[in-house]
Amino acid sequence: MPNTRLQFGSFILHGAHRRLLKHTPEGEITVRLAGAEVAILQHLLSHPDTLCAKETLTELGWQGRPVSANALPVAIANLRKQLTTEPPQIEIRNIPRQGYLLALSVPLMEMEEPAVVPLSPVTQEEPPVEEGPLSEVSTALDPSQAQTSKQSKRLWPSLMIGLKAINLLLLGFLILLGPLIYKEWIDVRCAKDEQGETCVVDNSELRQAEWPARHQGQLLLVSGRHWLIVDRVEVVSP
């Protein structure tokens, strides 16, 4: 499926280019998706109205690489944001403790990406060099050219070794720098009610009826099947 594009409603997913094209009344909007998000969306689109396990989507998205427990919920949250329309055409539903299910209310069409044919370079044949006394004389009169060619052949292996060493150094630098620049965004929703303030992570599996009772001025934190109540202390300047 990486060399195909999927069209559903006002969206076109170009898997090979990791782009999501959205048609709106104002014009076309192109969104760049992460590789994991593309793989997850392609799998969900190929299995509409079917429960897809979290383990399956995580394996498809990150190919066995170790990721945090919030990696999949964050990817799903970003896909939901990009696929929002009015009225809704596609919905990714969360099935607690099981996985996700994609509900599609528009037709899905799969098309091949147009192949890009590289242009063959135009080569111009050089006129043949006539062998004879003149060519022998010109070779004999220019010995420096032969000397330069020999020196270039001797320097070429050293140049290749130097380029390989530079590439290895750059690769090591990128490997060391990778963990420092990698970040993940977590979708957190906060709201206030009569009992206090509540902040819920997108991967929460607790229904609101299962939340514990709290007093005014307390903060409830909910993530997955876990919750925590924190007392908020207000400091008043004299």
C-alpha atoms as a PDB file:
ATOM      1  CA  MET A   1       0.000   0.000   0.000  1.00  0.00           C
ATOM      2  CA  PRO A   2       2.906   2.517   0.252  1.00  0.00           C
ATOM      3  CA  ASN A   3       2.790   3.141  -3.547  1.00  0.00           C
ATOM      4  CA  THR A   4      -0.962   3.807  -3.579  1.00  0.00           C
ATOM      5  CA  ARG A   5      -3.090   6.780  -2.649  1.00  0.00           C
ATOM      6  CA  LEU A   6      -6.372   6.473  -0.774  1.00  0.00           C
ATOM      7  CA  GLN A   7      -9.256   8.842  -1.481  1.00  0.00           C
ATOM      8  CA  PHE A   8     -12.134   9.096   0.989  1.00  0.00           C
ATOM      9  CA  GLY A   9     -14.569  11.999   1.035  1.00  0.00           C
ATOM     10  CA  SER A  10     -12.669  15.282   0.847  1.00  0.00           C
ATOM     11  CA  PHE A  11      -9.331  13.628   1.733  1.00  0.00           C
ATOM     12  CA  ILE A  12      -6.544  12.026  -0.304  1.00  0.00           C
ATOM     13  CA  LEU A  13      -3.761  10.160   1.525  1.00  0.00           C
ATOM     14  CA  HIS A  14      -0.458   9.893  -0.350  1.00  0.00           C
ATOM     15  CA  GLY A  15       1.298   7.149   1.617  1.00  0.00           C
ATOM     16  CA  ALA A  16       4.578   7.237  -0.313  1.00  0.00           C
ATOM     17  CA  HIS A  17       4.949  10.988   0.279  1.00  0.00           C
ATOM     18  CA  ARG A  18       3.453  11.002   3.827  1.00  0.00           C
ATOM     19  CA  ARG A  19       0.992  13.728   2.830  1.00  0.00           C
ATOM     20  CA  LEU A  20      -2.707  14.186   3.601  1.00  0.00           C
ATOM     21  CA  LEU A  21      -4.557  16.415   1.121  1.00  0.00           C
ATOM     22  CA  LYS A  22      -7.818  18.003   2.314  1.00  0.00           C
ATOM     23  CA  HIS A  23     -10.291  19.797   0.030  1.00  0.00           C
ATOM     24  CA  THR A  24     -12.062  22.719   1.720  1.00  0.00           C
ATOM     25  CA  PRO A  25     -14.287  25.557   0.421  1.00  0.00           C
ATOM     26  CA  GLU A  26     -11.277  27.870   0.844  1.00  0.00           C
ATOM     27  CA  GLY A  27      -9.008  25.601  -1.206  1.00  0.00           C
ATOM     28  CA  GLU A  28      -6.701  22.611  -0.771  1.00  0.00           C
ATOM     29  CA  ILE A  29      -4.740  22.047   2.443  1.00  0.00           C
ATOM     30  CA  THR A  30      -1.726  19.722   2.517  1.00  0.00           C
ATOM     31  CA  VAL A  31      -0.614  18.268   5.861  1.00  0.00           C
ATOM     32  CA  ARG A  32       2.681  16.441   6.421  1.00  0.00           C
ATOM     33  CA  LEU A  33       2.173  13.330   8.598  1.00  0.00           C
ATOM     34  CA  ALA A  34       4.679  11.307  10.577  1.00  0.00           C
ATOM     35  CA  GLY A  35       5.607   7.878   9.251  1.00  0.00           C
ATOM     36  CA  ALA A  36       3.876   6.155  12.169  1.00  0.00           C
ATOM     37  CA  GLU A  37       0.687   8.166  11.602  1.00  0.00           C
ATOM     38  CA  VAL A  38       0.617   7.217   7.910  1.00  0.00           C
ATOM     39  CA  ALA A  39       1.034   3.494   8.686  1.00  0.00           C
ATOM     40  CA  ILE A  40      -1.689   3.597  11.368  1.00  0.00           C
ATOM     41  CA  LEU A  41      -4.155   5.490   9.152  1.00  0.00           C
ATOM     42  CA  GLN A  42      -3.545   3.150   6.198  1.00  0.00           C
ATOM     43  CA  HIS A  43      -4.230   0.115   8.391  1.00  0.00           C
ATOM     44  CA  LEU A  44      -7.406   1.627   9.853  1.00  0.00           C
ATOM     45  CA  LEU A  45      -8.684   2.593   6.393  1.00  0.00           C
ATOM     46  CA  SER A  46      -8.061  -0.931   5.094  1.00  0.00           C
ATOM     47  CA  HIS A  47     -10.044  -2.366   8.058  1.00  0.00           C
ATOM     48  CA  PRO A  48     -13.101  -0.070   8.462  1.00  0.00           C
ATOM     49  CA  ASP A  49     -15.617  -0.906  11.208  1.00  0.00           C
ATOM     50  CA  THR A  50     -13.132  -3.424  12.601  1.00  0.00           C
ATOM     51  CA  LEU A  51     -11.511  -3.339  16.031  1.00  0.00           C
ATOM     52  CA  CYS A  52      -7.729  -2.924  15.628  1.00  0.00           C
ATOM     53  CA  ALA A  53      -5.696  -3.879  18.688  1.00  0.00           C
ATOM     54  CA  LYS A  54      -3.342  -1.338  20.230  1.00  0.00           C
ATOM     55  CA  GLU A  55      -0.430  -3.775  19.945  1.00  0.00           C
ATOM     56  CA  THR A  56      -1.027  -4.193  16.205  1.00  0.00           C
ATOM     57  CA  LEU A  57      -1.146  -0.444  15.545  1.00  0.00           C
ATOM     58  CA  THR A  58       1.959   0.170  17.674  1.00  0.00           C
ATOM     59  CA  GLU A  59       3.918  -2.514  15.810  1.00  0.00           C
ATOM     60  CA  LEU A  60       2.845  -1.141  12.413  1.00  0.00           C
ATOM     61  CA  GLY A  61       3.612   2.454  13.366  1.00  0.00           C
ATOM     62  CA  TRP A  62       7.019   2.058  14.977  1.00  0.00           C
ATOM     63  CA  GLN A  63       8.252  -1.283  13.585  1.00  0.00           C
ATOM     64  CA  GLY A  64       9.239  -2.712  16.963  1.00  0.00           C
ATOM     65  CA  ARG A  65      11.135   0.381  18.134  1.00  0.00           C
ATOM     66  CA  PRO A  66      10.696   1.100  21.870  1.00  0.00           C
ATOM     67  CA  VAL A  67       8.225   3.964  22.447  1.00  0.00           C
ATOM     68  CA  SER A  68       6.332   5.323  25.452  1.00  0.00           C
ATOM     69  CA  ALA A  69       2.804   4.232  26.335  1.00  0.00           C
ATOM     70  CA  ASN A  70       1.481   7.608  25.131  1.00  0.00           C
ATOM     71  CA  ALA A  71       2.974   7.347  21.626  1.00  0.00           C
ATOM     72  CA  LEU A  72      -0.082   5.658  20.104  1.00  0.00           C
ATOM     73  CA  PRO A  73      -2.704   7.935  21.791  1.00  0.00           C
ATOM     74  CA  VAL A  74      -0.732  11.003  20.663  1.00  0.00           C
ATOM     75  CA  ALA A  75      -0.632   9.741  17.050  1.00  0.00           C
ATOM     76  CA  ILE A  76      -4.380   8.978  17.127  1.00  0.00           C
ATOM     77  CA  ALA A  77      -5.116  12.437  18.569  1.00  0.00           C
ATOM     78  CA  ASN A  78      -3.191  14.133  15.747  1.00  0.00           C
ATOM     79  CA  LEU A  79      -5.018  12.044  13.110  1.00  0.00           C
ATOM     80  CA  ARG A  80      -8.379  12.985  14.637  1.00  0.00           C
ATOM     81  CA  LYS A  81      -7.400  16.644  14.513  1.00  0.00           C
ATOM     82  CA  GLN A  82      -6.396  16.494  10.835  1.00  0.00           C
ATOM     83  CA  LEU A  83      -9.483  14.443   9.810  1.00  0.00           C
ATOM     84  CA  THR A  84     -12.035  16.772  11.422  1.00  0.00           C
ATOM     85  CA  THR A  85     -14.822  17.881   9.035  1.00  0.00           C
ATOM     86  CA  GLU A  86     -18.345  19.217   9.322  1.00  0.00           C
ATOM     87  CA  PRO A  87     -20.340  17.026   8.970  1.00  0.00           C
ATOM     88  CA  PRO A  88     -17.954  14.221  10.076  1.00  0.00           C
ATOM     89  CA  GLN A  89     -16.769  11.915   7.297  1.00  0.00           C
ATOM     90  CA  ILE A  90     -14.454   9.701   9.321  1.00  0.00           C
ATOM     91  CA  GLU A  91     -14.261   8.895  13.025  1.00  0.00           C
ATOM     92  CA  ILE A  92     -11.605   7.014  15.012  1.00  0.00           C
ATOM     93  CA  ARG A  93     -13.292   5.543  18.073  1.00  0.00           C
ATOM     94  CA  ASN A  94     -11.476   4.455  21.219  1.00  0.00           C
ATOM     95  CA  ILE A  95     -12.484   1.028  22.554  1.00  0.00           C
ATOM     96  CA  PRO A  96     -11.254   1.038  26.192  1.00  0.00           C
ATOM     97  CA  ARG A  97      -8.493  -1.468  26.973  1.00  0.00           C
ATOM     98  CA  GLN A  98      -8.791  -3.014  23.488  1.00  0.00           C
ATOM     99  CA  GLY A  99      -7.882  -0.682  20.635  1.00  0.00           C
ATOM    100  CA  TYR A 100      -9.388   1.625  18.046  1.00  0.00           C
ATOM    101  CA  LEU A 101     -12.145   1.340  15.430  1.00  0.00           C
ATOM    102  CA  LEU A 102     -12.500   3.489  12.315  1.00  0.00           C
ATOM    103  CA  ALA A 103     -16.032   4.432  11.230  1.00  0.00           C
ATOM    104  CA  LEU A 104     -16.146   5.665   7.618  1.00  0.00           C
ATOM    105  CA  SER A 105     -19.283   7.348   6.238  1.00  0.00           C
ATOM    106  CA  VAL A 106     -17.888   8.068   2.743  1.00  0.00           C
ATOM    107  CA  PRO A 107     -16.676   5.765  -0.083  1.00  0.00           C
ATOM    108  CA  LEU A 108     -13.026   4.667  -0.063  1.00  0.00           C
ATOM    109  CA  MET A 109     -11.105   4.430  -3.351  1.00  0.00           C
ATOM    110  CA  GLU A 110      -7.590   3.077  -3.786  1.00  0.00           C
ATOM    111  CA  MET A 111      -5.520   4.347  -6.719  1.00  0.00           C
ATOM    112  CA  GLU A 112      -1.963   3.762  -7.898  1.00  0.00           C
ATOM    113  CA  GLU A 113       0.484   6.638  -7.532  1.00  0.00           C
ATOM    114  CA  PRO A 114       1.629   7.884 -10.959  1.00  0.00           C
ATOM    115  CA  ALA A 115       5.044   6.540 -11.788  1.00  0.00           C
ATOM    116  CA  VAL A 116       7.823   9.050 -12.340  1.00  0.00           C
ATOM    117  CA  VAL A 117       9.893   8.074 -15.388  1.00  0.00           C
ATOM    118  CA  PRO A 118      13.430   9.496 -15.197  1.00  0.00           C
ATOM    119  CA  LEU A 119      14.695  11.183 -18.321  1.00  0.00           C
ATOM    120  CA  SER A 120      17.648   9.464 -19.934  1.00  0.00           C
ATOM    121  CA  PRO A 121      20.632  11.789 -20.303  1.00  0.00           C
ATOM    122  CA  VAL A 122      21.510  12.733 -23.847  1.00  0.00           C
ATOM    123  CA  THR A 123      25.006  11.589 -24.667  1.00  0.00           C
ATOM    124  CA  GLN A 124      27.041  12.909 -27.516  1.00  0.00           C
ATOM    125  CA  GLU A 125      29.461  10.570 -29.162  1.00  0.00           C
ATOM    126  CA  GLU A 126      32.969  11.871 -29.482  1.00  0.00           C
ATOM    127  CA  PRO A 127      34.574  11.585 -32.880  1.00  0.00           C
ATOM    128  CA  PRO A 128      37.022   8.713 -33.094  1.00  0.00           C
ATOM    129  CA  VAL A 129      40.687   9.585 -32.795  1.00  0.00           C
ATOM    130  CA  GLU A 130      42.647   8.527 -35.761  1.00  0.00           C
ATOM    131  CA  GLU A 131      45.704   6.559 -34.899  1.00  0.00           C
ATOM    132  CA  GLY A 132      48.818   7.412 -36.721  1.00  0.00           C
ATOM    133  CA  PRO A 133      52.076   9.295 -36.492  1.00  0.00           C
ATOM    134  CA  LEU A 134      50.385  12.529 -35.302  1.00  0.00           C
ATOM    135  CA  SER A 135      48.830  10.904 -32.205  1.00  0.00           C
ATOM    136  CA  GLU A 136      52.120   9.248 -31.300  1.00  0.00           C
ATOM    137  CA  VAL A 137      53.920  12.576 -31.577  1.00  0.00           C
ATOM    138  CA  SER A 138      51.314  14.410 -29.377  1.00  0.00           C
ATOM    139  CA  THR A 139      51.636  11.737 -26.663  1.00  0.00           C
ATOM    140  CA  ALA A 140      55.362  11.982 -26.700  1.00  0.00           C
ATOM    141  CA  LEU A 141      55.258  15.781 -26.474  1.00  0.00           C
ATOM    142  CA  ASP A 142      52.973  15.815 -23.336  1.00  0.00           C
ATOM    143  CA  PRO A 143      54.501  13.573 -20.619  1.00  0.00           C
ATOM    144  CA  SER A 144      53.111  15.786 -17.774  1.00  0.00           C
ATOM    145  CA  GLN A 145      49.571  14.586 -18.524  1.00  0.00           C
ATOM    146  CA  ALA A 146      50.525  10.971 -17.919  1.00  0.00           C
ATOM    147  CA  GLN A 147      52.330  11.930 -14.686  1.00  0.00           C
ATOM    148  CA  THR A 148      49.235  13.812 -13.421  1.00  0.00           C
ATOM    149  CA  SER A 149      47.020  10.815 -14.153  1.00  0.00           C
ATOM    150  CA  LYS A 150      49.262   8.525 -12.096  1.00  0.00           C
ATOM    151  CA  GLN A 151      49.229  10.936  -9.152  1.00  0.00           C
ATOM    152  CA  SER A 152      45.410  11.151  -9.273  1.00  0.00           C
ATOM    153  CA  LYS A 153      45.125   7.368  -9.146  1.00  0.00           C
ATOM    154  CA  ARG A 154      47.374   7.253  -6.063  1.00  0.00           C
ATOM    155  CA  LEU A 155      45.397  10.003  -4.260  1.00  0.00           C
ATOM    156  CA  TRP A 156      41.955   8.545  -4.993  1.00  0.00           C
ATOM    157  CA  PRO A 157      41.967   5.766  -2.295  1.00  0.00           C
ATOM    158  CA  SER A 158      43.083   8.262   0.375  1.00  0.00           C
ATOM    159  CA  LEU A 159      40.287  10.639  -0.640  1.00  0.00           C
ATOM    160  CA  MET A 160      37.667   7.883  -0.401  1.00  0.00           C
ATOM    161  CA  ILE A 161      38.896   6.860   3.080  1.00  0.00           C
ATOM    162  CA  GLY A 162      38.642  10.473   4.237  1.00  0.00           C
ATOM    163  CA  LEU A 163      35.072  10.816   2.930  1.00  0.00           C
ATOM    164  CA  LYS A 164      34.026   7.593   4.666  1.00  0.00           C
ATOM    165  CA  ALA A 165      35.510   8.830   7.949  1.00  0.00           C
ATOM    166  CA  ILE A 166      33.572  12.108   7.663  1.00  0.00           C
ATOM    167  CA  ASN A 167      30.328  10.213   6.994  1.00  0.00           C
ATOM    168  CA  LEU A 168      30.885   8.009  10.057  1.00  0.00           C
ATOM    169  CA  LEU A 169      31.501  11.077  12.243  1.00  0.00           C
ATOM    170  CA  LEU A 170      28.302  12.741  11.001  1.00  0.00           C
ATOM    171  CA  LEU A 171      26.309   9.551  11.603  1.00  0.00           C
ATOM    172  CA  GLY A 172      27.624   9.281  15.179  1.00  0.00           C
ATOM    173  CA  PHE A 173      26.775  12.927  15.816  1.00  0.00           C
ATOM    174  CA  LEU A 174      23.192  12.417  14.618  1.00  0.00           C
ATOM    175  CA  ILE A 175      22.794   9.314  16.780  1.00  0.00           C
ATOM    176  CA  LEU A 176      23.961  11.229  19.869  1.00  0.00           C
ATOM    177  CA  LEU A 177      21.816  14.252  19.033  1.00  0.00           C
ATOM    178  CA  GLY A 178      18.640  12.258  18.285  1.00  0.00           C
ATOM    179  CA  PRO A 179      17.485  11.668  21.905  1.00  0.00           C
ATOM    180  CA  LEU A 180      18.033  15.347  22.739  1.00  0.00           C
ATOM    181  CA  ILE A 181      15.751  16.704  20.016  1.00  0.00           C
ATOM    182  CA  TYR A 182      13.032  14.024  20.172  1.00  0.00           C
ATOM    183  CA  LYS A 183       9.843  15.215  21.855  1.00  0.00           C
ATOM    184  CA  GLU A 184       6.309  13.898  22.166  1.00  0.00           C
ATOM    185  CA  TRP A 185       3.186  15.989  22.693  1.00  0.00           C
ATOM    186  CA  ILE A 186       0.495  14.643  25.001  1.00  0.00           C
ATOM    187  CA  ASP A 187      -3.127  15.745  24.556  1.00  0.00           C
ATOM    188  CA  VAL A 188      -4.510  16.847  27.963  1.00  0.00           C
ATOM    189  CA  ARG A 189      -7.999  18.282  28.498  1.00  0.00           C
ATOM    190  CA  CYS A 190      -8.788  20.335  31.639  1.00  0.00           C
ATOM    191  CA  ALA A 191     -12.197  21.500  32.823  1.00  0.00           C
ATOM    192  CA  LYS A 192     -13.786  22.982  35.958  1.00  0.00           C
ATOM    193  CA  ASP A 193     -17.014  21.873  37.624  1.00  0.00           C
ATOM    194  CA  GLU A 194     -18.747  22.199  41.010  1.00  0.00           C
ATOM    195  CA  GLN A 195     -16.304  19.809  42.693  1.00  0.00           C
ATOM    196  CA  GLY A 196     -13.101  21.360  41.380  1.00  0.00           C
ATOM    197  CA  GLU A 197     -10.819  21.101  38.334  1.00  0.00           C
ATOM    198  CA  THR A 198     -10.145  17.933  36.312  1.00  0.00           C
ATOM    199  CA  CYS A 199      -7.309  17.222  33.830  1.00  0.00           C
ATOM    200  CA  VAL A 200      -7.667  14.103  31.633  1.00  0.00           C
ATOM    201  CA  VAL A 201      -5.017  12.592  29.308  1.00  0.00           C
ATOM    202  CA  ASP A 202      -6.292  11.441  25.906  1.00  0.00           C
ATOM    203  CA  ASN A 203      -5.582   7.768  26.742  1.00  0.00           C
ATOM    204  CA  SER A 204      -7.946   7.776  29.748  1.00  0.00           C
ATOM    205  CA  GLU A 205      -9.997   4.579  30.075  1.00  0.00           C
ATOM    206  CA  LEU A 206     -12.101   5.747  33.061  1.00  0.00           C
ATOM    207  CA  ARG A 207     -15.633   6.998  32.504  1.00  0.00           C
ATOM    208  CA  GLN A 208     -16.666  10.175  34.291  1.00  0.00           C
ATOM    209  CA  ALA A 209     -18.989   8.127  36.508  1.00  0.00           C
ATOM    210  CA  GLU A 210     -15.940   6.233  37.806  1.00  0.00           C
ATOM    211  CA  TRP A 211     -14.086   9.378  38.907  1.00  0.00           C
ATOM    212  CA  PRO A 212     -13.651   9.700  42.707  1.00  0.00           C
ATOM    213  CA  ALA A 213     -15.409  12.396  44.698  1.00  0.00           C
ATOM    214  CA  ARG A 214     -13.374  15.505  45.494  1.00  0.00           C
ATOM    215  CA  HIS A 215     -13.794  18.817  47.295  1.00  0.00           C
ATOM    216  CA  GLN A 216     -13.776  22.339  45.973  1.00  0.00           C
ATOM    217  CA  GLY A 217     -10.211  23.520  45.328  1.00  0.00           C
ATOM    218  CA  GLN A 218      -8.858  20.028  44.589  1.00  0.00           C
ATOM    219  CA  LEU A 219      -7.371  18.957  41.241  1.00  0.00           C
ATOM    220  CA  LEU A 220      -8.139  15.493  39.779  1.00  0.00           C
ATOM    221  CA  LEU A 221      -5.561  13.990  37.358  1.00  0.00           C
ATOM    222  CA  VAL A 222      -6.727  11.033  35.184  1.00  0.00           C
ATOM    223  CA  SER A 223      -4.508   8.896  32.894  1.00  0.00           C
ATOM    224  CA  GLY A 224      -5.396   5.403  31.663  1.00  0.00           C
ATOM    225  CA  ARG A 225      -6.957   3.486  34.568  1.00  0.00           C
ATOM    226  CA  HIS A 226      -5.186   5.614  37.198  1.00  0.00           C
ATOM    227  CA  TRP A 227      -6.210   8.829  38.980  1.00  0.00           C
ATOM    228  CA  LEU A 228      -4.681  11.219  41.514  1.00  0.00           C
ATOM    229  CA  ILE A 229      -6.233  13.991  43.644  1.00  0.00           C
ATOM    230  CA  VAL A 230      -4.011  17.000  44.414  1.00  0.00           C
ATOM    231  CA  ASP A 231      -4.808  19.793  46.888  1.00  0.00           C
ATOM    232  CA  ARG A 232      -4.286  23.217  45.335  1.00  0.00           C
ATOM    233  CA  VAL A 233      -2.725  25.676  47.779  1.00  0.00           C
ATOM    234  CA  GLU A 234      -3.265  29.390  47.111  1.00  0.00           C
ATOM    235  CA  VAL A 235      -0.547  31.715  48.375  1.00  0.00           C
ATOM    236  CA  VAL A 236      -1.816  35.181  49.307  1.00  0.00           C
ATOM    237  CA  SER A 237       0.714  37.984  49.489  1.00  0.00           C
ATOM    238  CA  PRO A 238       0.495  40.106  52.728  1.00  0.00           C
END
